[in-house]
């Protein structure tokens, strides 16, 4: 069976002398494992298309659940990421997170669009790295079934939350004074941060990045979102630690 697909290369590993094994997030077929034949040969047209963090088009051959690509072309290489080690490290973190939450061959159109929007914004410097990271983390978790409850305090129920906090363990927000009733440590959001969280959770896809925060509030939001990801997925990410060491 032949298929032409567009996909974002999340990961690439050298295989034998001239091939690569790719993890590709596609528009309609979800996450696929693809053998890119001859990708490492000199002059191969597959070389650019099979790079990690490249948005590419592939012609695939499927046989017994295995996919092979003999042809491919890059559509967007996000060159801005490749010119800055910190930007590239953050992009790799996004790819690692996508690889963790996306299931094999399960359609992920909204998730893929979020990833492309985030990489484009990061590559072109449209928003700051902390801003892009927070939106990507929280929106991705919402799309994959981990949406936090942010409309009212999880303890007292008041919508006008006083000194807002986020509980990464329960995935809820609460007043600072109500924190004694929560499991685990909560992180401060502040009023600006709570508004940003509510925006990220509920805004249309085209506007999910469109808000402004002071630098201090941006930092609080970033720490809260990454803690939420870590607790909900019960996983630490080496690529995130590396980004922090080079940013």
C-alpha atoms as a PDB file:
ATOM      1  CA  UNK A   1       0.000   0.000   0.000  1.00  0.00           C
ATOM      2  CA  UNK A   2       1.329   3.423  -0.972  1.00  0.00           C
ATOM      3  CA  UNK A   3       0.466   6.666   0.784  1.00  0.00           C
ATOM      4  CA  UNK A   4       1.656  10.266   0.542  1.00  0.00           C
ATOM      5  CA  UNK A   5       1.726  11.946   3.942  1.00  0.00           C
ATOM      6  CA  UNK A   6       2.899  15.183   5.489  1.00  0.00           C
ATOM      7  CA  UNK A   7       4.510  14.866   8.873  1.00  0.00           C
ATOM      8  CA  UNK A   8       6.769  16.364  11.516  1.00  0.00           C
ATOM      9  CA  UNK A   9       9.898  14.320  12.206  1.00  0.00           C
ATOM     10  CA  UNK A  10      10.103  13.927  15.984  1.00  0.00           C
ATOM     11  CA  UNK A  11      13.145  11.696  16.119  1.00  0.00           C
ATOM     12  CA  UNK A  12      15.698  10.141  13.772  1.00  0.00           C
ATOM     13  CA  UNK A  13      18.126   7.316  14.463  1.00  0.00           C
ATOM     14  CA  UNK A  14      20.820   5.999  12.155  1.00  0.00           C
ATOM     15  CA  UNK A  15      20.092   2.485  10.885  1.00  0.00           C
ATOM     16  CA  UNK A  16      22.778   0.378   9.214  1.00  0.00           C
ATOM     17  CA  UNK A  17      25.017   2.356   6.848  1.00  0.00           C
ATOM     18  CA  UNK A  18      22.671   4.571   4.869  1.00  0.00           C
ATOM     19  CA  UNK A  19      19.176   4.496   6.405  1.00  0.00           C
ATOM     20  CA  UNK A  20      17.391   6.333   9.175  1.00  0.00           C
ATOM     21  CA  UNK A  21      14.541   5.166  11.389  1.00  0.00           C
ATOM     22  CA  UNK A  22      12.159   8.071  11.876  1.00  0.00           C
ATOM     23  CA  UNK A  23       9.369   8.801  14.304  1.00  0.00           C
ATOM     24  CA  UNK A  24       6.950  10.978  12.329  1.00  0.00           C
ATOM     25  CA  UNK A  25       3.767  12.699  13.514  1.00  0.00           C
ATOM     26  CA  UNK A  26       1.451  12.859  10.510  1.00  0.00           C
ATOM     27  CA  UNK A  27      -1.747  14.689   9.693  1.00  0.00           C
ATOM     28  CA  UNK A  28      -4.082  11.720   9.278  1.00  0.00           C
ATOM     29  CA  UNK A  29      -2.225   8.617  10.416  1.00  0.00           C
ATOM     30  CA  UNK A  30      -0.920   9.905  13.751  1.00  0.00           C
ATOM     31  CA  UNK A  31       2.517   8.819  14.908  1.00  0.00           C
ATOM     32  CA  UNK A  32       4.366   6.449  12.582  1.00  0.00           C
ATOM     33  CA  UNK A  33       7.693   4.653  12.640  1.00  0.00           C
ATOM     34  CA  UNK A  34       9.244   4.978   9.185  1.00  0.00           C
ATOM     35  CA  UNK A  35      12.436   3.588   7.652  1.00  0.00           C
ATOM     36  CA  UNK A  36      13.910   6.286   5.402  1.00  0.00           C
ATOM     37  CA  UNK A  37      15.946   4.320   2.900  1.00  0.00           C
ATOM     38  CA  UNK A  38      19.161   5.888   1.685  1.00  0.00           C
ATOM     39  CA  UNK A  39      18.689   9.030   3.779  1.00  0.00           C
ATOM     40  CA  UNK A  40      22.374   9.086   4.738  1.00  0.00           C
ATOM     41  CA  UNK A  41      23.739   8.596   1.237  1.00  0.00           C
ATOM     42  CA  UNK A  42      25.593  11.545  -0.266  1.00  0.00           C
ATOM     43  CA  UNK A  43      23.235  13.635  -2.353  1.00  0.00           C
ATOM     44  CA  UNK A  44      20.129  11.851  -1.094  1.00  0.00           C
ATOM     45  CA  UNK A  45      16.907  13.803  -1.594  1.00  0.00           C
ATOM     46  CA  UNK A  46      15.752  12.282   1.706  1.00  0.00           C
ATOM     47  CA  UNK A  47      18.569  13.833   3.741  1.00  0.00           C
ATOM     48  CA  UNK A  48      16.857  17.132   4.598  1.00  0.00           C
ATOM     49  CA  UNK A  49      13.352  15.670   4.827  1.00  0.00           C
ATOM     50  CA  UNK A  50      14.431  13.085   7.398  1.00  0.00           C
ATOM     51  CA  UNK A  51      16.026  15.521   9.858  1.00  0.00           C
ATOM     52  CA  UNK A  52      14.479  15.853  13.309  1.00  0.00           C
ATOM     53  CA  UNK A  53      12.151  18.861  13.645  1.00  0.00           C
ATOM     54  CA  UNK A  54      11.539  19.033   9.914  1.00  0.00           C
ATOM     55  CA  UNK A  55       8.024  19.302   8.424  1.00  0.00           C
ATOM     56  CA  UNK A  56       8.173  17.046   5.374  1.00  0.00           C
ATOM     57  CA  UNK A  57       6.199  15.194   2.761  1.00  0.00           C
ATOM     58  CA  UNK A  58       6.922  11.473   2.310  1.00  0.00           C
ATOM     59  CA  UNK A  59       5.813   8.798  -0.099  1.00  0.00           C
ATOM     60  CA  UNK A  60       5.368   5.704   2.067  1.00  0.00           C
ATOM     61  CA  UNK A  61       5.049   2.033   1.301  1.00  0.00           C
ATOM     62  CA  UNK A  62       3.218   0.024   3.948  1.00  0.00           C
ATOM     63  CA  UNK A  63       3.543  -3.704   4.402  1.00  0.00           C
ATOM     64  CA  UNK A  64       2.354  -5.690   7.437  1.00  0.00           C
ATOM     65  CA  UNK A  65       2.258  -2.624   9.653  1.00  0.00           C
ATOM     66  CA  UNK A  66       5.720  -1.399   8.644  1.00  0.00           C
ATOM     67  CA  UNK A  67       6.311   1.809   6.738  1.00  0.00           C
ATOM     68  CA  UNK A  68       9.194   2.617   4.391  1.00  0.00           C
ATOM     69  CA  UNK A  69       9.948   5.904   2.654  1.00  0.00           C
ATOM     70  CA  UNK A  70      11.994   6.078  -0.539  1.00  0.00           C
ATOM     71  CA  UNK A  71      11.008   9.638  -1.417  1.00  0.00           C
ATOM     72  CA  UNK A  72      10.655  12.744   0.667  1.00  0.00           C
ATOM     73  CA  UNK A  73      10.938  16.515   0.497  1.00  0.00           C
ATOM     74  CA  UNK A  74      11.216  19.097   3.259  1.00  0.00           C
ATOM     75  CA  UNK A  75       8.429  21.680   3.467  1.00  0.00           C
ATOM     76  CA  UNK A  76       9.679  23.669   6.478  1.00  0.00           C
ATOM     77  CA  UNK A  77      12.988  23.202   8.288  1.00  0.00           C
ATOM     78  CA  UNK A  78      12.438  25.837  11.014  1.00  0.00           C
ATOM     79  CA  UNK A  79      15.908  27.198  10.344  1.00  0.00           C
ATOM     80  CA  UNK A  80      15.695  29.677  13.207  1.00  0.00           C
ATOM     81  CA  UNK A  81      15.896  26.753  15.625  1.00  0.00           C
ATOM     82  CA  UNK A  82      19.048  25.412  14.025  1.00  0.00           C
ATOM     83  CA  UNK A  83      20.875  28.710  14.434  1.00  0.00           C
ATOM     84  CA  UNK A  84      20.512  28.827  18.231  1.00  0.00           C
ATOM     85  CA  UNK A  85      21.380  25.933  20.554  1.00  0.00           C
ATOM     86  CA  UNK A  86      18.837  26.989  23.180  1.00  0.00           C
ATOM     87  CA  UNK A  87      16.020  27.269  20.642  1.00  0.00           C
ATOM     88  CA  UNK A  88      16.963  23.891  19.188  1.00  0.00           C
ATOM     89  CA  UNK A  89      17.033  22.300  22.651  1.00  0.00           C
ATOM     90  CA  UNK A  90      13.533  23.609  23.365  1.00  0.00           C
ATOM     91  CA  UNK A  91      12.315  22.252  20.029  1.00  0.00           C
ATOM     92  CA  UNK A  92      13.784  18.852  20.917  1.00  0.00           C
ATOM     93  CA  UNK A  93      11.873  18.989  24.217  1.00  0.00           C
ATOM     94  CA  UNK A  94       8.655  19.639  22.307  1.00  0.00           C
ATOM     95  CA  UNK A  95       9.396  16.620  20.104  1.00  0.00           C
ATOM     96  CA  UNK A  96      10.154  14.413  23.113  1.00  0.00           C
ATOM     97  CA  UNK A  97       6.910  15.463  24.748  1.00  0.00           C
ATOM     98  CA  UNK A  98       4.947  14.724  21.568  1.00  0.00           C
ATOM     99  CA  UNK A  99       6.584  11.322  21.255  1.00  0.00           C
ATOM    100  CA  UNK A 100       5.563  10.574  24.846  1.00  0.00           C
ATOM    101  CA  UNK A 101       1.874  11.494  24.635  1.00  0.00           C
ATOM    102  CA  UNK A 102       0.954  10.606  21.027  1.00  0.00           C
ATOM    103  CA  UNK A 103      -0.114   7.036  20.320  1.00  0.00           C
ATOM    104  CA  UNK A 104       0.914   5.056  17.257  1.00  0.00           C
ATOM    105  CA  UNK A 105      -1.409   5.502  14.269  1.00  0.00           C
ATOM    106  CA  UNK A 106      -4.052   7.502  16.182  1.00  0.00           C
ATOM    107  CA  UNK A 107      -5.117  10.675  14.300  1.00  0.00           C
ATOM    108  CA  UNK A 108      -3.631  13.760  15.957  1.00  0.00           C
ATOM    109  CA  UNK A 109      -4.483  16.672  13.679  1.00  0.00           C
ATOM    110  CA  UNK A 110      -5.018  19.244  16.450  1.00  0.00           C
ATOM    111  CA  UNK A 111      -1.868  18.139  18.256  1.00  0.00           C
ATOM    112  CA  UNK A 112       0.190  18.347  15.084  1.00  0.00           C
ATOM    113  CA  UNK A 113      -1.126  21.832  14.311  1.00  0.00           C
ATOM    114  CA  UNK A 114      -0.199  22.961  17.829  1.00  0.00           C
ATOM    115  CA  UNK A 115       3.314  21.588  17.351  1.00  0.00           C
ATOM    116  CA  UNK A 116       3.786  23.347  14.013  1.00  0.00           C
ATOM    117  CA  UNK A 117       2.454  26.630  15.411  1.00  0.00           C
ATOM    118  CA  UNK A 118       4.792  26.385  18.407  1.00  0.00           C
ATOM    119  CA  UNK A 119       7.876  25.586  16.315  1.00  0.00           C
ATOM    120  CA  UNK A 120       7.040  28.362  13.851  1.00  0.00           C
ATOM    121  CA  UNK A 121       6.560  30.921  16.657  1.00  0.00           C
ATOM    122  CA  UNK A 122       9.790  29.812  18.313  1.00  0.00           C
ATOM    123  CA  UNK A 123      11.787  29.749  15.078  1.00  0.00           C
ATOM    124  CA  UNK A 124      10.601  33.192  13.959  1.00  0.00           C
ATOM    125  CA  UNK A 125      10.842  34.788  17.410  1.00  0.00           C
ATOM    126  CA  UNK A 126       7.164  35.767  17.378  1.00  0.00           C
ATOM    127  CA  UNK A 127       6.883  35.015  21.098  1.00  0.00           C
ATOM    128  CA  UNK A 128       9.549  34.422  23.748  1.00  0.00           C
ATOM    129  CA  UNK A 129      10.714  30.866  24.518  1.00  0.00           C
ATOM    130  CA  UNK A 130       9.065  30.756  27.973  1.00  0.00           C
ATOM    131  CA  UNK A 131       5.777  31.918  26.458  1.00  0.00           C
ATOM    132  CA  UNK A 132       5.821  29.345  23.646  1.00  0.00           C
ATOM    133  CA  UNK A 133       6.839  26.593  26.055  1.00  0.00           C
ATOM    134  CA  UNK A 134       4.019  27.291  28.514  1.00  0.00           C
ATOM    135  CA  UNK A 135       1.341  27.394  25.831  1.00  0.00           C
ATOM    136  CA  UNK A 136       2.646  24.258  24.146  1.00  0.00           C
ATOM    137  CA  UNK A 137       2.858  22.263  27.381  1.00  0.00           C
ATOM    138  CA  UNK A 138      -0.549  23.179  28.740  1.00  0.00           C
ATOM    139  CA  UNK A 139      -2.453  23.067  25.455  1.00  0.00           C
ATOM    140  CA  UNK A 140      -0.890  19.725  24.536  1.00  0.00           C
ATOM    141  CA  UNK A 141      -1.987  18.258  27.858  1.00  0.00           C
ATOM    142  CA  UNK A 142      -5.520  19.508  27.229  1.00  0.00           C
ATOM    143  CA  UNK A 143      -5.598  17.931  23.763  1.00  0.00           C
ATOM    144  CA  UNK A 144      -4.360  14.617  25.123  1.00  0.00           C
ATOM    145  CA  UNK A 145      -6.971  14.349  27.878  1.00  0.00           C
ATOM    146  CA  UNK A 146      -5.209  15.994  30.832  1.00  0.00           C
ATOM    147  CA  UNK A 147      -7.070  19.323  30.879  1.00  0.00           C
ATOM    148  CA  UNK A 148      -6.804  21.032  34.282  1.00  0.00           C
ATOM    149  CA  UNK A 149      -9.880  22.391  36.075  1.00  0.00           C
ATOM    150  CA  UNK A 150      -9.354  26.154  36.239  1.00  0.00           C
ATOM    151  CA  UNK A 151     -12.773  27.824  36.513  1.00  0.00           C
ATOM    152  CA  UNK A 152     -13.023  27.939  40.314  1.00  0.00           C
ATOM    153  CA  UNK A 153     -11.124  27.094  43.478  1.00  0.00           C
ATOM    154  CA  UNK A 154     -11.116  23.316  43.866  1.00  0.00           C
ATOM    155  CA  UNK A 155     -11.628  23.689  47.635  1.00  0.00           C
ATOM    156  CA  UNK A 156     -13.971  26.612  48.352  1.00  0.00           C
ATOM    157  CA  UNK A 157     -15.552  26.836  44.903  1.00  0.00           C
ATOM    158  CA  UNK A 158     -15.204  30.592  44.420  1.00  0.00           C
ATOM    159  CA  UNK A 159     -14.501  31.682  40.828  1.00  0.00           C
ATOM    160  CA  UNK A 160     -12.631  34.824  41.958  1.00  0.00           C
ATOM    161  CA  UNK A 161      -9.700  32.819  43.268  1.00  0.00           C
ATOM    162  CA  UNK A 162      -7.649  34.644  45.880  1.00  0.00           C
ATOM    163  CA  UNK A 163      -3.887  34.560  45.276  1.00  0.00           C
ATOM    164  CA  UNK A 164      -4.235  31.717  42.727  1.00  0.00           C
ATOM    165  CA  UNK A 165      -2.182  28.542  42.945  1.00  0.00           C
ATOM    166  CA  UNK A 166      -1.950  25.524  40.643  1.00  0.00           C
ATOM    167  CA  UNK A 167      -1.808  22.004  42.036  1.00  0.00           C
ATOM    168  CA  UNK A 168       0.231  19.897  39.552  1.00  0.00           C
ATOM    169  CA  UNK A 169      -0.861  16.672  41.247  1.00  0.00           C
ATOM    170  CA  UNK A 170      -4.632  17.218  41.103  1.00  0.00           C
ATOM    171  CA  UNK A 171      -4.671  19.443  38.022  1.00  0.00           C
ATOM    172  CA  UNK A 172      -6.746  22.123  39.726  1.00  0.00           C
ATOM    173  CA  UNK A 173      -6.399  25.736  40.832  1.00  0.00           C
ATOM    174  CA  UNK A 174      -7.165  27.027  44.300  1.00  0.00           C
ATOM    175  CA  UNK A 175      -6.865  29.989  46.632  1.00  0.00           C
ATOM    176  CA  UNK A 176      -3.579  30.147  48.511  1.00  0.00           C
ATOM    177  CA  UNK A 177      -5.501  29.983  51.805  1.00  0.00           C
ATOM    178  CA  UNK A 178      -7.140  26.734  50.698  1.00  0.00           C
ATOM    179  CA  UNK A 179      -3.830  25.045  49.972  1.00  0.00           C
ATOM    180  CA  UNK A 180      -3.861  22.968  53.157  1.00  0.00           C
ATOM    181  CA  UNK A 181      -6.569  20.777  51.653  1.00  0.00           C
ATOM    182  CA  UNK A 182      -4.514  19.887  48.563  1.00  0.00           C
ATOM    183  CA  UNK A 183      -2.148  16.956  48.046  1.00  0.00           C
ATOM    184  CA  UNK A 184       1.427  17.830  47.170  1.00  0.00           C
ATOM    185  CA  UNK A 185       3.030  21.215  46.698  1.00  0.00           C
ATOM    186  CA  UNK A 186       1.222  23.859  44.668  1.00  0.00           C
ATOM    187  CA  UNK A 187       2.837  26.588  42.584  1.00  0.00           C
ATOM    188  CA  UNK A 188       1.861  30.276  42.520  1.00  0.00           C
ATOM    189  CA  UNK A 189       0.183  31.632  39.403  1.00  0.00           C
ATOM    190  CA  UNK A 190      -0.901  35.113  40.409  1.00  0.00           C
ATOM    191  CA  UNK A 191      -3.921  36.760  38.805  1.00  0.00           C
ATOM    192  CA  UNK A 192      -2.113  37.317  35.489  1.00  0.00           C
ATOM    193  CA  UNK A 193      -1.022  33.698  35.392  1.00  0.00           C
ATOM    194  CA  UNK A 194      -4.514  32.410  36.110  1.00  0.00           C
ATOM    195  CA  UNK A 195      -5.932  34.498  33.276  1.00  0.00           C
ATOM    196  CA  UNK A 196      -3.233  33.093  30.984  1.00  0.00           C
ATOM    197  CA  UNK A 197      -4.002  29.510  32.025  1.00  0.00           C
ATOM    198  CA  UNK A 198      -7.713  30.033  31.376  1.00  0.00           C
ATOM    199  CA  UNK A 199      -6.892  31.532  27.995  1.00  0.00           C
ATOM    200  CA  UNK A 200      -4.622  28.642  26.979  1.00  0.00           C
ATOM    201  CA  UNK A 201      -7.221  26.075  27.992  1.00  0.00           C
ATOM    202  CA  UNK A 202     -10.197  27.653  26.231  1.00  0.00           C
ATOM    203  CA  UNK A 203      -8.997  29.945  23.398  1.00  0.00           C
ATOM    204  CA  UNK A 204      -9.506  28.994  19.728  1.00  0.00           C
ATOM    205  CA  UNK A 205      -6.428  27.375  18.202  1.00  0.00           C
ATOM    206  CA  UNK A 206      -5.560  30.479  16.166  1.00  0.00           C
ATOM    207  CA  UNK A 207      -5.402  32.600  19.334  1.00  0.00           C
ATOM    208  CA  UNK A 208      -3.877  30.178  21.837  1.00  0.00           C
ATOM    209  CA  UNK A 209      -0.551  32.105  21.954  1.00  0.00           C
ATOM    210  CA  UNK A 210      -2.143  35.562  21.867  1.00  0.00           C
ATOM    211  CA  UNK A 211      -1.761  37.049  25.323  1.00  0.00           C
ATOM    212  CA  UNK A 212       0.802  39.192  27.097  1.00  0.00           C
ATOM    213  CA  UNK A 213       2.358  38.648  30.518  1.00  0.00           C
ATOM    214  CA  UNK A 214       4.967  40.579  32.525  1.00  0.00           C
ATOM    215  CA  UNK A 215       8.318  38.785  32.700  1.00  0.00           C
ATOM    216  CA  UNK A 216       7.868  37.690  36.325  1.00  0.00           C
ATOM    217  CA  UNK A 217       4.410  36.270  35.612  1.00  0.00           C
ATOM    218  CA  UNK A 218       5.774  34.513  32.518  1.00  0.00           C
ATOM    219  CA  UNK A 219       8.312  32.733  34.703  1.00  0.00           C
ATOM    220  CA  UNK A 220       5.665  31.627  37.214  1.00  0.00           C
ATOM    221  CA  UNK A 221       3.477  30.300  34.429  1.00  0.00           C
ATOM    222  CA  UNK A 222       6.393  28.395  32.873  1.00  0.00           C
ATOM    223  CA  UNK A 223       7.297  26.705  36.151  1.00  0.00           C
ATOM    224  CA  UNK A 224       3.681  25.794  36.859  1.00  0.00           C
ATOM    225  CA  UNK A 225       3.072  24.317  33.403  1.00  0.00           C
ATOM    226  CA  UNK A 226       6.200  22.176  33.399  1.00  0.00           C
ATOM    227  CA  UNK A 227       5.404  20.895  36.901  1.00  0.00           C
ATOM    228  CA  UNK A 228       1.894  19.988  35.715  1.00  0.00           C
ATOM    229  CA  UNK A 229       3.350  18.024  32.787  1.00  0.00           C
ATOM    230  CA  UNK A 230       5.890  16.242  34.959  1.00  0.00           C
ATOM    231  CA  UNK A 231       3.350  15.149  37.579  1.00  0.00           C
ATOM    232  CA  UNK A 232       0.583  14.169  35.173  1.00  0.00           C
ATOM    233  CA  UNK A 233       2.896  12.090  32.978  1.00  0.00           C
ATOM    234  CA  UNK A 234       5.089  10.943  35.884  1.00  0.00           C
ATOM    235  CA  UNK A 235       8.172  11.579  33.809  1.00  0.00           C
ATOM    236  CA  UNK A 236      11.184  13.855  33.687  1.00  0.00           C
ATOM    237  CA  UNK A 237      12.606  15.067  30.383  1.00  0.00           C
ATOM    238  CA  UNK A 238      16.358  15.239  29.782  1.00  0.00           C
ATOM    239  CA  UNK A 239      15.816  17.640  26.888  1.00  0.00           C
ATOM    240  CA  UNK A 240      14.066  20.109  29.227  1.00  0.00           C
ATOM    241  CA  UNK A 241      16.934  19.951  31.698  1.00  0.00           C
ATOM    242  CA  UNK A 242      19.388  20.537  28.863  1.00  0.00           C
ATOM    243  CA  UNK A 243      17.430  23.546  27.596  1.00  0.00           C
ATOM    244  CA  UNK A 244      17.590  25.080  31.077  1.00  0.00           C
ATOM    245  CA  UNK A 245      21.361  24.592  31.128  1.00  0.00           C
ATOM    246  CA  UNK A 246      21.926  26.437  27.825  1.00  0.00           C
ATOM    247  CA  UNK A 247      19.176  29.064  27.644  1.00  0.00           C
END
